[in-house]
Amino acid sequence: MKKVSVILPAYKPNGAIFRRTLQYLNRQDLPSTEWELLIVASGTPVEELRELSDEVSKEDIRFLYVPEPGLTRARLAGIKDARGDILIFVDDDNFLSPDYLSKALFLLDAYKQVVVAGGKSKPKFEVTPPSWIEKCYRLLALRDMGEELKISSLSGHVEEYPDYAPIGAGMILRRSVALQYAESRGDRIELPDRTAKSLTSGGDNDIVLFCLKSKGEVAYFPELILHHYIPHKRLQVSYLATLNYESSRSWVKVLSSNGICPWRKLNVVQSFARQIVSFFKTTPWLGGEYYIKWRGICGHYRGRSEI
């Protein structure tokens, strides 16, 4: 059995960026005999991804096909097919530092109780972003929580979501727990997550909460570093506003489904009324970050009417 399985879902990826993702994986200092690359074609023809992968010298590459697009579906398929003891999720626009896999393996060997972990996700912008973009880093799956190691000690009782919990990009997960998670989900994809037509999210948060409930520890390892490519279109206000709306909406649902939602349910009228009040408090007519913030608040109140 391999020590590490890299699970790489791909849905109609940018060819040049996807090749760069593979090139960075090809530069990993972990011996090639100790890890495999599992590319999950999510609603994308496998042959298309094979052609984009032809320049990679990595011999142990396998391809899976998932007919219906969806990040959670792709990751679940990868979990079930993986052969490594440690699983690492990589998106098709992530560039991992050359020691990412070797450090991940070392850290999970050193911290036996940690079952899911992540590190830093730094931006690689296609163009110069607006001055306020750091306020949207969370939306863009970007984060740097400093140089301090952070590990949970919740012992299976979850009262709130740890702010240092890993994001999906670069997430490290023990296969034994990942299989338990996949079995618990079965064929049901109840929680919202990224699909071909939706910017909702929540699958990675759901995994973390499952790990915490299973009495495993969650960690932030600052040694783990990847760069996330952010194209120009993801810096547009309309995109970020929609992303904030859908992410805030699904966040309420994820917390509710795991029994730790701190907000009470609202009816449709209450939800709409609060969205109107927030309009005048957040001044979205000023555009930019103000509009993005307001749309996030609207998504939050919409989510509370749907739990």
C-alpha atoms as a PDB file:
ATOM      1  CA  MET A   1       0.000   0.000   0.000  1.00  0.00           C
ATOM      2  CA  LYS A   2       1.162   3.527  -0.776  1.00  0.00           C
ATOM      3  CA  LYS A   3       1.823   5.888   2.104  1.00  0.00           C
ATOM      4  CA  VAL A   4       0.101   8.884   0.477  1.00  0.00           C
ATOM      5  CA  SER A   5      -2.739   9.291  -2.020  1.00  0.00           C
ATOM      6  CA  VAL A   6      -3.186  12.704  -3.637  1.00  0.00           C
ATOM      7  CA  ILE A   7      -6.828  13.145  -4.685  1.00  0.00           C
ATOM      8  CA  LEU A   8      -7.210  15.750  -7.421  1.00  0.00           C
ATOM      9  CA  PRO A   9     -10.797  16.463  -8.583  1.00  0.00           C
ATOM     10  CA  ALA A  10     -11.028  18.329 -11.890  1.00  0.00           C
ATOM     11  CA  TYR A  11     -14.013  19.866 -13.671  1.00  0.00           C
ATOM     12  CA  LYS A  12     -13.222  21.517 -17.018  1.00  0.00           C
ATOM     13  CA  PRO A  13      -9.911  22.872 -15.687  1.00  0.00           C
ATOM     14  CA  ASN A  14      -7.872  25.651 -17.241  1.00  0.00           C
ATOM     15  CA  GLY A  15      -5.371  23.607 -19.212  1.00  0.00           C
ATOM     16  CA  ALA A  16      -2.306  25.745 -18.482  1.00  0.00           C
ATOM     17  CA  ILE A  17      -3.059  26.007 -14.762  1.00  0.00           C
ATOM     18  CA  PHE A  18      -3.894  22.307 -14.469  1.00  0.00           C
ATOM     19  CA  ARG A  19      -0.531  21.461 -16.037  1.00  0.00           C
ATOM     20  CA  ARG A  20       1.199  23.731 -13.522  1.00  0.00           C
ATOM     21  CA  THR A  21      -0.622  21.963 -10.689  1.00  0.00           C
ATOM     22  CA  LEU A  22       0.719  18.654 -11.987  1.00  0.00           C
ATOM     23  CA  GLN A  23       4.212  20.063 -12.477  1.00  0.00           C
ATOM     24  CA  TYR A  24       4.341  21.139  -8.833  1.00  0.00           C
ATOM     25  CA  LEU A  25       3.193  17.678  -7.788  1.00  0.00           C
ATOM     26  CA  ASN A  26       5.879  16.192  -9.999  1.00  0.00           C
ATOM     27  CA  ARG A  27       8.521  18.172  -8.036  1.00  0.00           C
ATOM     28  CA  GLN A  28       7.607  16.655  -4.671  1.00  0.00           C
ATOM     29  CA  ASP A  29      10.601  15.402  -2.688  1.00  0.00           C
ATOM     30  CA  LEU A  30       8.691  12.392  -1.342  1.00  0.00           C
ATOM     31  CA  PRO A  31       9.958   9.346  -3.290  1.00  0.00           C
ATOM     32  CA  SER A  32       7.571   8.503  -6.114  1.00  0.00           C
ATOM     33  CA  THR A  33       7.284   4.940  -4.835  1.00  0.00           C
ATOM     34  CA  GLU A  34       5.590   6.208  -1.668  1.00  0.00           C
ATOM     35  CA  TRP A  35       2.679   8.105  -3.189  1.00  0.00           C
ATOM     36  CA  GLU A  36       0.068   7.931  -5.905  1.00  0.00           C
ATOM     37  CA  LEU A  37      -1.901  10.541  -7.814  1.00  0.00           C
ATOM     38  CA  LEU A  38      -5.605   9.935  -8.269  1.00  0.00           C
ATOM     39  CA  ILE A  39      -7.203  12.355 -10.740  1.00  0.00           C
ATOM     40  CA  VAL A  40     -11.001  12.415 -10.495  1.00  0.00           C
ATOM     41  CA  ALA A  41     -12.685  13.575 -13.690  1.00  0.00           C
ATOM     42  CA  SER A  42     -15.819  15.235 -12.324  1.00  0.00           C
ATOM     43  CA  GLY A  43     -18.216  15.563 -15.246  1.00  0.00           C
ATOM     44  CA  THR A  44     -15.200  16.000 -17.540  1.00  0.00           C
ATOM     45  CA  PRO A  45     -14.025  13.393 -20.087  1.00  0.00           C
ATOM     46  CA  VAL A  46     -11.138  11.346 -18.731  1.00  0.00           C
ATOM     47  CA  GLU A  47      -9.298  11.522 -22.050  1.00  0.00           C
ATOM     48  CA  GLU A  48      -9.252  15.307 -21.823  1.00  0.00           C
ATOM     49  CA  LEU A  49      -7.439  15.094 -18.495  1.00  0.00           C
ATOM     50  CA  ARG A  50      -5.106  12.395 -19.771  1.00  0.00           C
ATOM     51  CA  GLU A  51      -3.993  14.724 -22.543  1.00  0.00           C
ATOM     52  CA  LEU A  52      -3.308  17.497 -20.036  1.00  0.00           C
ATOM     53  CA  SER A  53      -1.309  15.059 -17.908  1.00  0.00           C
ATOM     54  CA  ASP A  54       0.948  13.720 -20.645  1.00  0.00           C
ATOM     55  CA  GLU A  55       3.902  15.900 -19.644  1.00  0.00           C
ATOM     56  CA  VAL A  56       4.038  14.585 -16.071  1.00  0.00           C
ATOM     57  CA  SER A  57       6.636  11.897 -15.449  1.00  0.00           C
ATOM     58  CA  LYS A  58       4.822  10.509 -12.403  1.00  0.00           C
ATOM     59  CA  GLU A  59       4.178   6.852 -13.238  1.00  0.00           C
ATOM     60  CA  ASP A  60       1.576   6.079 -10.583  1.00  0.00           C
ATOM     61  CA  ILE A  61      -1.334   8.149 -11.928  1.00  0.00           C
ATOM     62  CA  ARG A  62      -4.840   6.735 -11.946  1.00  0.00           C
ATOM     63  CA  PHE A  63      -7.997   8.293 -13.332  1.00  0.00           C
ATOM     64  CA  LEU A  64     -11.547   8.033 -12.026  1.00  0.00           C
ATOM     65  CA  TYR A  65     -14.678   9.238 -13.771  1.00  0.00           C
ATOM     66  CA  VAL A  66     -17.642  10.677 -11.869  1.00  0.00           C
ATOM     67  CA  PRO A  67     -20.480  11.442 -14.334  1.00  0.00           C
ATOM     68  CA  GLU A  68     -22.206  14.157 -12.311  1.00  0.00           C
ATOM     69  CA  PRO A  69     -20.124  17.244 -11.439  1.00  0.00           C
ATOM     70  CA  GLY A  70     -19.666  18.079  -7.782  1.00  0.00           C
ATOM     71  CA  LEU A  71     -16.709  18.516  -5.463  1.00  0.00           C
ATOM     72  CA  THR A  72     -18.089  16.307  -2.687  1.00  0.00           C
ATOM     73  CA  ARG A  73     -18.974  13.537  -5.150  1.00  0.00           C
ATOM     74  CA  ALA A  74     -15.460  13.655  -6.602  1.00  0.00           C
ATOM     75  CA  ARG A  75     -13.771  13.581  -3.211  1.00  0.00           C
ATOM     76  CA  LEU A  76     -15.928  10.707  -1.979  1.00  0.00           C
ATOM     77  CA  ALA A  77     -15.075   8.707  -5.089  1.00  0.00           C
ATOM     78  CA  GLY A  78     -11.384   9.430  -4.519  1.00  0.00           C
ATOM     79  CA  ILE A  79     -11.568   8.418  -0.866  1.00  0.00           C
ATOM     80  CA  LYS A  80     -13.136   5.072  -1.730  1.00  0.00           C
ATOM     81  CA  ASP A  81     -10.569   4.298  -4.437  1.00  0.00           C
ATOM     82  CA  ALA A  82      -7.423   5.600  -2.713  1.00  0.00           C
ATOM     83  CA  ARG A  83      -4.690   3.189  -1.651  1.00  0.00           C
ATOM     84  CA  GLY A  84      -2.635   5.416   0.632  1.00  0.00           C
ATOM     85  CA  ASP A  85      -2.747   5.589   4.419  1.00  0.00           C
ATOM     86  CA  ILE A  86      -2.777   9.396   4.196  1.00  0.00           C
ATOM     87  CA  LEU A  87      -5.038  11.281   1.781  1.00  0.00           C
ATOM     88  CA  ILE A  88      -4.336  14.795   0.546  1.00  0.00           C
ATOM     89  CA  PHE A  89      -6.925  16.859  -1.343  1.00  0.00           C
ATOM     90  CA  VAL A  90      -5.517  19.082  -4.061  1.00  0.00           C
ATOM     91  CA  ASP A  91      -7.605  21.325  -6.307  1.00  0.00           C
ATOM     92  CA  ASP A  92      -6.832  21.810  -9.994  1.00  0.00           C
ATOM     93  CA  ASP A  93      -5.510  25.322  -9.330  1.00  0.00           C
ATOM     94  CA  ASN A  94      -3.222  24.556  -6.358  1.00  0.00           C
ATOM     95  CA  PHE A  95       0.573  24.679  -6.455  1.00  0.00           C
ATOM     96  CA  LEU A  96       2.066  22.656  -3.580  1.00  0.00           C
ATOM     97  CA  SER A  97       5.486  23.445  -2.138  1.00  0.00           C
ATOM     98  CA  PRO A  98       8.000  20.684  -3.025  1.00  0.00           C
ATOM     99  CA  ASP A  99       8.038  19.303   0.523  1.00  0.00           C
ATOM    100  CA  TYR A 100       4.271  19.316   1.076  1.00  0.00           C
ATOM    101  CA  LEU A 101       3.761  15.555   0.841  1.00  0.00           C
ATOM    102  CA  SER A 102       6.848  14.601   2.823  1.00  0.00           C
ATOM    103  CA  LYS A 103       6.039  17.069   5.607  1.00  0.00           C
ATOM    104  CA  ALA A 104       2.417  15.942   5.724  1.00  0.00           C
ATOM    105  CA  LEU A 105       3.545  12.346   6.156  1.00  0.00           C
ATOM    106  CA  PHE A 106       6.082  13.305   8.827  1.00  0.00           C
ATOM    107  CA  LEU A 107       3.639  15.466  10.801  1.00  0.00           C
ATOM    108  CA  LEU A 108       0.853  12.884  10.906  1.00  0.00           C
ATOM    109  CA  ASP A 109       3.376  10.293  12.013  1.00  0.00           C
ATOM    110  CA  ALA A 110       4.543  12.629  14.803  1.00  0.00           C
ATOM    111  CA  TYR A 111       1.030  13.615  15.933  1.00  0.00           C
ATOM    112  CA  LYS A 112      -0.793  10.298  16.156  1.00  0.00           C
ATOM    113  CA  GLN A 113      -4.136  11.726  17.339  1.00  0.00           C
ATOM    114  CA  VAL A 114      -4.457  14.224  14.486  1.00  0.00           C
ATOM    115  CA  VAL A 115      -6.787  12.846  11.811  1.00  0.00           C
ATOM    116  CA  VAL A 116      -7.328  15.928   9.658  1.00  0.00           C
ATOM    117  CA  ALA A 117      -5.062  18.920   9.117  1.00  0.00           C
ATOM    118  CA  GLY A 118      -4.063  21.745   6.820  1.00  0.00           C
ATOM    119  CA  GLY A 119      -1.625  24.596   6.513  1.00  0.00           C
ATOM    120  CA  LYS A 120      -1.166  27.863   4.658  1.00  0.00           C
ATOM    121  CA  SER A 121      -2.898  28.712   1.398  1.00  0.00           C
ATOM    122  CA  LYS A 122      -1.267  31.741  -0.193  1.00  0.00           C
ATOM    123  CA  PRO A 123      -2.521  33.680  -3.215  1.00  0.00           C
ATOM    124  CA  LYS A 124      -1.110  33.618  -6.711  1.00  0.00           C
ATOM    125  CA  PHE A 125      -3.118  36.363  -8.398  1.00  0.00           C
ATOM    126  CA  GLU A 126      -3.421  36.554 -12.172  1.00  0.00           C
ATOM    127  CA  VAL A 127      -3.746  40.353 -11.948  1.00  0.00           C
ATOM    128  CA  THR A 128      -3.221  42.947  -9.227  1.00  0.00           C
ATOM    129  CA  PRO A 129      -6.227  42.649  -6.881  1.00  0.00           C
ATOM    130  CA  PRO A 130      -8.189  45.549  -5.353  1.00  0.00           C
ATOM    131  CA  SER A 131      -6.841  46.989  -2.108  1.00  0.00           C
ATOM    132  CA  TRP A 132      -9.648  45.450  -0.037  1.00  0.00           C
ATOM    133  CA  ILE A 133      -9.228  41.895  -1.303  1.00  0.00           C
ATOM    134  CA  GLU A 134      -7.702  40.587   1.951  1.00  0.00           C
ATOM    135  CA  LYS A 135     -11.157  40.936   3.509  1.00  0.00           C
ATOM    136  CA  CYS A 136     -12.276  38.277   1.023  1.00  0.00           C
ATOM    137  CA  TYR A 137      -9.428  35.819   1.570  1.00  0.00           C
ATOM    138  CA  ARG A 138     -11.680  33.379   3.401  1.00  0.00           C
ATOM    139  CA  LEU A 139     -14.039  33.302   0.415  1.00  0.00           C
ATOM    140  CA  LEU A 140     -11.153  32.591  -1.938  1.00  0.00           C
ATOM    141  CA  ALA A 141      -9.801  29.713   0.184  1.00  0.00           C
ATOM    142  CA  LEU A 142      -6.753  31.752   1.187  1.00  0.00           C
ATOM    143  CA  ARG A 143      -5.303  31.824   4.673  1.00  0.00           C
ATOM    144  CA  ASP A 144      -2.166  32.248   6.720  1.00  0.00           C
ATOM    145  CA  MET A 145      -2.658  31.838  10.455  1.00  0.00           C
ATOM    146  CA  GLY A 146       0.946  32.502  11.398  1.00  0.00           C
ATOM    147  CA  GLU A 147       3.739  30.261  12.604  1.00  0.00           C
ATOM    148  CA  GLU A 148       2.082  28.745  15.667  1.00  0.00           C
ATOM    149  CA  LEU A 149       1.025  25.096  15.663  1.00  0.00           C
ATOM    150  CA  LYS A 150      -2.679  24.726  16.519  1.00  0.00           C
ATOM    151  CA  ILE A 151      -4.283  21.429  17.580  1.00  0.00           C
ATOM    152  CA  SER A 152      -7.756  20.707  18.915  1.00  0.00           C
ATOM    153  CA  SER A 153      -8.485  19.000  22.210  1.00  0.00           C
ATOM    154  CA  LEU A 154     -12.250  18.637  21.980  1.00  0.00           C
ATOM    155  CA  SER A 155     -12.416  14.887  22.723  1.00  0.00           C
ATOM    156  CA  GLY A 156     -15.445  14.266  20.542  1.00  0.00           C
ATOM    157  CA  HIS A 157     -17.640  17.024  21.978  1.00  0.00           C
ATOM    158  CA  VAL A 158     -18.031  19.811  19.442  1.00  0.00           C
ATOM    159  CA  GLU A 159     -19.490  23.120  20.573  1.00  0.00           C
ATOM    160  CA  GLU A 160     -18.123  25.348  17.831  1.00  0.00           C
ATOM    161  CA  TYR A 161     -16.112  25.104  14.659  1.00  0.00           C
ATOM    162  CA  PRO A 162     -12.341  25.689  15.170  1.00  0.00           C
ATOM    163  CA  ASP A 163     -11.153  28.765  13.287  1.00  0.00           C
ATOM    164  CA  TYR A 164      -7.911  26.964  12.393  1.00  0.00           C
ATOM    165  CA  ALA A 165      -9.637  23.930  10.855  1.00  0.00           C
ATOM    166  CA  PRO A 166      -8.331  23.079   7.384  1.00  0.00           C
ATOM    167  CA  ILE A 167      -9.898  24.195   4.151  1.00  0.00           C
ATOM    168  CA  GLY A 168     -10.432  21.695   1.365  1.00  0.00           C
ATOM    169  CA  ALA A 169      -7.383  22.776  -0.647  1.00  0.00           C
ATOM    170  CA  GLY A 170      -4.403  20.896   0.762  1.00  0.00           C
ATOM    171  CA  MET A 171      -6.449  19.064   3.402  1.00  0.00           C
ATOM    172  CA  ILE A 172      -4.670  16.047   4.936  1.00  0.00           C
ATOM    173  CA  LEU A 173      -6.846  13.191   6.130  1.00  0.00           C
ATOM    174  CA  ARG A 174      -6.177   9.744   7.524  1.00  0.00           C
ATOM    175  CA  ARG A 175      -7.685   7.157   5.191  1.00  0.00           C
ATOM    176  CA  SER A 176      -9.242   5.139   8.021  1.00  0.00           C
ATOM    177  CA  VAL A 177     -11.358   8.092   9.140  1.00  0.00           C
ATOM    178  CA  ALA A 178     -12.024   9.211   5.564  1.00  0.00           C
ATOM    179  CA  LEU A 179     -13.557   5.811   4.785  1.00  0.00           C
ATOM    180  CA  GLN A 180     -15.786   6.082   7.847  1.00  0.00           C
ATOM    181  CA  TYR A 181     -16.899   9.490   6.632  1.00  0.00           C
ATOM    182  CA  ALA A 182     -17.593   8.196   3.120  1.00  0.00           C
ATOM    183  CA  GLU A 183     -19.614   5.309   4.549  1.00  0.00           C
ATOM    184  CA  SER A 184     -21.615   7.702   6.734  1.00  0.00           C
ATOM    185  CA  ARG A 185     -22.515   9.762   3.689  1.00  0.00           C
ATOM    186  CA  GLY A 186     -23.344   6.765   1.512  1.00  0.00           C
ATOM    187  CA  ASP A 187     -24.829   7.811  -1.808  1.00  0.00           C
ATOM    188  CA  ARG A 188     -26.556  10.813  -0.277  1.00  0.00           C
ATOM    189  CA  ILE A 189     -25.086  14.214  -1.074  1.00  0.00           C
ATOM    190  CA  GLU A 190     -27.317  16.202   1.234  1.00  0.00           C
ATOM    191  CA  LEU A 191     -25.036  19.094   2.096  1.00  0.00           C
ATOM    192  CA  PRO A 192     -24.444  21.775  -0.522  1.00  0.00           C
ATOM    193  CA  ASP A 193     -21.050  21.951  -2.165  1.00  0.00           C
ATOM    194  CA  ARG A 194     -19.417  23.243  -5.311  1.00  0.00           C
ATOM    195  CA  THR A 195     -20.967  21.941  -8.539  1.00  0.00           C
ATOM    196  CA  ALA A 196     -20.974  22.999 -12.176  1.00  0.00           C
ATOM    197  CA  LYS A 197     -23.682  25.608 -11.591  1.00  0.00           C
ATOM    198  CA  SER A 198     -23.391  26.440  -7.905  1.00  0.00           C
ATOM    199  CA  LEU A 199     -20.922  28.310  -5.704  1.00  0.00           C
ATOM    200  CA  THR A 200     -22.194  26.777  -2.475  1.00  0.00           C
ATOM    201  CA  SER A 201     -19.695  25.142  -0.134  1.00  0.00           C
ATOM    202  CA  GLY A 202     -19.540  23.083   3.025  1.00  0.00           C
ATOM    203  CA  GLY A 203     -18.148  19.671   2.157  1.00  0.00           C
ATOM    204  CA  ASP A 204     -14.743  20.306   3.714  1.00  0.00           C
ATOM    205  CA  ASN A 205     -16.360  21.703   6.876  1.00  0.00           C
ATOM    206  CA  ASP A 206     -18.548  18.619   7.115  1.00  0.00           C
ATOM    207  CA  ILE A 207     -15.471  16.377   6.960  1.00  0.00           C
ATOM    208  CA  VAL A 208     -13.768  18.325   9.751  1.00  0.00           C
ATOM    209  CA  LEU A 209     -16.831  18.112  11.987  1.00  0.00           C
ATOM    210  CA  PHE A 210     -17.081  14.371  11.399  1.00  0.00           C
ATOM    211  CA  CYS A 211     -13.438  13.998  12.431  1.00  0.00           C
ATOM    212  CA  LEU A 212     -13.982  15.995  15.607  1.00  0.00           C
ATOM    213  CA  LYS A 213     -17.027  13.951  16.526  1.00  0.00           C
ATOM    214  CA  SER A 214     -15.005  10.785  16.032  1.00  0.00           C
ATOM    215  CA  LYS A 215     -12.667  12.081  18.783  1.00  0.00           C
ATOM    216  CA  GLY A 216      -9.872  12.791  16.355  1.00  0.00           C
ATOM    217  CA  GLU A 217      -7.794  15.941  16.591  1.00  0.00           C
ATOM    218  CA  VAL A 218      -7.733  18.722  14.023  1.00  0.00           C
ATOM    219  CA  ALA A 219      -4.516  20.617  13.356  1.00  0.00           C
ATOM    220  CA  TYR A 220      -3.036  23.633  11.616  1.00  0.00           C
ATOM    221  CA  PHE A 221       0.569  22.991  10.573  1.00  0.00           C
ATOM    222  CA  PRO A 222       2.273  26.224   9.434  1.00  0.00           C
ATOM    223  CA  GLU A 223       5.008  24.210   7.689  1.00  0.00           C
ATOM    224  CA  LEU A 224       2.531  23.124   5.014  1.00  0.00           C
ATOM    225  CA  ILE A 225       2.367  25.717   2.248  1.00  0.00           C
ATOM    226  CA  LEU A 226       0.546  25.838  -1.069  1.00  0.00           C
ATOM    227  CA  HIS A 227      -0.294  28.629  -3.478  1.00  0.00           C
ATOM    228  CA  HIS A 228      -3.808  29.044  -4.832  1.00  0.00           C
ATOM    229  CA  TYR A 229      -4.138  30.518  -8.304  1.00  0.00           C
ATOM    230  CA  ILE A 230      -6.792  33.253  -8.424  1.00  0.00           C
ATOM    231  CA  PRO A 231      -7.824  34.283 -11.961  1.00  0.00           C
ATOM    232  CA  HIS A 232      -9.122  37.738 -12.782  1.00  0.00           C
ATOM    233  CA  LYS A 233     -12.763  36.607 -12.949  1.00  0.00           C
ATOM    234  CA  ARG A 234     -12.704  35.568  -9.291  1.00  0.00           C
ATOM    235  CA  LEU A 235     -11.818  39.112  -8.277  1.00  0.00           C
ATOM    236  CA  GLN A 236     -14.952  40.566  -9.824  1.00  0.00           C
ATOM    237  CA  VAL A 237     -17.408  42.015  -7.323  1.00  0.00           C
ATOM    238  CA  SER A 238     -20.349  40.111  -8.807  1.00  0.00           C
ATOM    239  CA  TYR A 239     -18.527  36.780  -8.410  1.00  0.00           C
ATOM    240  CA  LEU A 240     -17.388  37.483  -4.852  1.00  0.00           C
ATOM    241  CA  ALA A 241     -20.853  38.697  -3.864  1.00  0.00           C
ATOM    242  CA  THR A 242     -22.483  35.513  -5.151  1.00  0.00           C
ATOM    243  CA  LEU A 243     -19.788  33.411  -3.515  1.00  0.00           C
ATOM    244  CA  ASN A 244     -20.312  35.157  -0.167  1.00  0.00           C
ATOM    245  CA  TYR A 245     -24.071  34.723  -0.404  1.00  0.00           C
ATOM    246  CA  GLU A 246     -23.908  31.005  -1.166  1.00  0.00           C
ATOM    247  CA  SER A 247     -21.108  30.288   1.314  1.00  0.00           C
ATOM    248  CA  SER A 248     -22.905  32.078   4.158  1.00  0.00           C
ATOM    249  CA  ARG A 249     -26.137  30.314   3.314  1.00  0.00           C
ATOM    250  CA  SER A 250     -24.585  26.848   3.258  1.00  0.00           C
ATOM    251  CA  TRP A 251     -22.511  27.515   6.397  1.00  0.00           C
ATOM    252  CA  VAL A 252     -25.702  27.797   8.442  1.00  0.00           C
ATOM    253  CA  LYS A 253     -26.891  24.480   7.008  1.00  0.00           C
ATOM    254  CA  VAL A 254     -23.614  22.703   7.756  1.00  0.00           C
ATOM    255  CA  LEU A 255     -23.651  23.834  11.389  1.00  0.00           C
ATOM    256  CA  SER A 256     -27.324  22.960  11.739  1.00  0.00           C
ATOM    257  CA  SER A 257     -26.899  19.467  10.285  1.00  0.00           C
ATOM    258  CA  ASN A 258     -24.116  18.846  12.788  1.00  0.00           C
ATOM    259  CA  GLY A 259     -26.121  20.124  15.748  1.00  0.00           C
ATOM    260  CA  ILE A 260     -23.989  23.166  16.573  1.00  0.00           C
ATOM    261  CA  CYS A 261     -25.855  26.022  14.866  1.00  0.00           C
ATOM    262  CA  PRO A 262     -25.848  28.991  17.296  1.00  0.00           C
ATOM    263  CA  TRP A 263     -28.685  30.831  15.505  1.00  0.00           C
ATOM    264  CA  ARG A 264     -32.406  30.177  15.759  1.00  0.00           C
ATOM    265  CA  LYS A 265     -34.520  29.404  12.718  1.00  0.00           C
ATOM    266  CA  LEU A 266     -36.270  32.286  10.959  1.00  0.00           C
ATOM    267  CA  ASN A 267     -39.405  32.186   8.862  1.00  0.00           C
ATOM    268  CA  VAL A 268     -39.374  33.629   5.347  1.00  0.00           C
ATOM    269  CA  VAL A 269     -40.821  36.983   6.409  1.00  0.00           C
ATOM    270  CA  GLN A 270     -38.308  37.404   9.243  1.00  0.00           C
ATOM    271  CA  SER A 271     -35.458  36.493   6.913  1.00  0.00           C
ATOM    272  CA  PHE A 272     -36.516  38.988   4.260  1.00  0.00           C
ATOM    273  CA  ALA A 273     -37.075  41.755   6.815  1.00  0.00           C
ATOM    274  CA  ARG A 274     -33.588  41.328   8.257  1.00  0.00           C
ATOM    275  CA  GLN A 275     -32.059  41.418   4.803  1.00  0.00           C
ATOM    276  CA  ILE A 276     -33.785  44.749   4.178  1.00  0.00           C
ATOM    277  CA  VAL A 277     -32.577  46.192   7.498  1.00  0.00           C
ATOM    278  CA  SER A 278     -29.023  45.054   6.752  1.00  0.00           C
ATOM    279  CA  PHE A 279     -29.194  46.845   3.401  1.00  0.00           C
ATOM    280  CA  PHE A 280     -29.344  50.206   5.145  1.00  0.00           C
ATOM    281  CA  LYS A 281     -26.733  49.251   7.745  1.00  0.00           C
ATOM    282  CA  THR A 282     -24.044  47.982   5.360  1.00  0.00           C
ATOM    283  CA  THR A 283     -24.417  50.615   2.563  1.00  0.00           C
ATOM    284  CA  PRO A 284     -24.047  48.155  -0.355  1.00  0.00           C
ATOM    285  CA  TRP A 285     -24.779  50.962  -2.827  1.00  0.00           C
ATOM    286  CA  LEU A 286     -21.173  52.033  -2.293  1.00  0.00           C
ATOM    287  CA  GLY A 287     -20.172  48.922  -4.222  1.00  0.00           C
ATOM    288  CA  GLY A 288     -17.092  46.747  -3.848  1.00  0.00           C
ATOM    289  CA  GLU A 289     -16.482  45.279  -0.394  1.00  0.00           C
ATOM    290  CA  TYR A 290     -19.709  46.820   0.972  1.00  0.00           C
ATOM    291  CA  TYR A 291     -21.876  45.050  -1.566  1.00  0.00           C
ATOM    292  CA  ILE A 292     -20.016  41.765  -1.040  1.00  0.00           C
ATOM    293  CA  LYS A 293     -20.520  42.033   2.714  1.00  0.00           C
ATOM    294  CA  TRP A 294     -24.249  42.701   2.354  1.00  0.00           C
ATOM    295  CA  ARG A 295     -24.737  39.701   0.084  1.00  0.00           C
ATOM    296  CA  GLY A 296     -23.048  37.514   2.703  1.00  0.00           C
ATOM    297  CA  ILE A 297     -25.470  38.780   5.354  1.00  0.00           C
ATOM    298  CA  CYS A 298     -28.385  38.051   3.030  1.00  0.00           C
ATOM    299  CA  GLY A 299     -27.118  34.509   2.515  1.00  0.00           C
ATOM    300  CA  HIS A 300     -26.877  34.035   6.273  1.00  0.00           C
ATOM    301  CA  TYR A 301     -30.484  35.065   6.858  1.00  0.00           C
ATOM    302  CA  ARG A 302     -31.666  33.016   3.879  1.00  0.00           C
ATOM    303  CA  GLY A 303     -29.907  29.975   5.315  1.00  0.00           C
ATOM    304  CA  ARG A 304     -31.598  30.457   8.669  1.00  0.00           C
ATOM    305  CA  SER A 305     -35.002  30.286   6.958  1.00  0.00           C
ATOM    306  CA  GLU A 306     -34.052  26.956   5.354  1.00  0.00           C
ATOM    307  CA  ILE A 307     -32.835  24.943   8.363  1.00  0.00           C
END
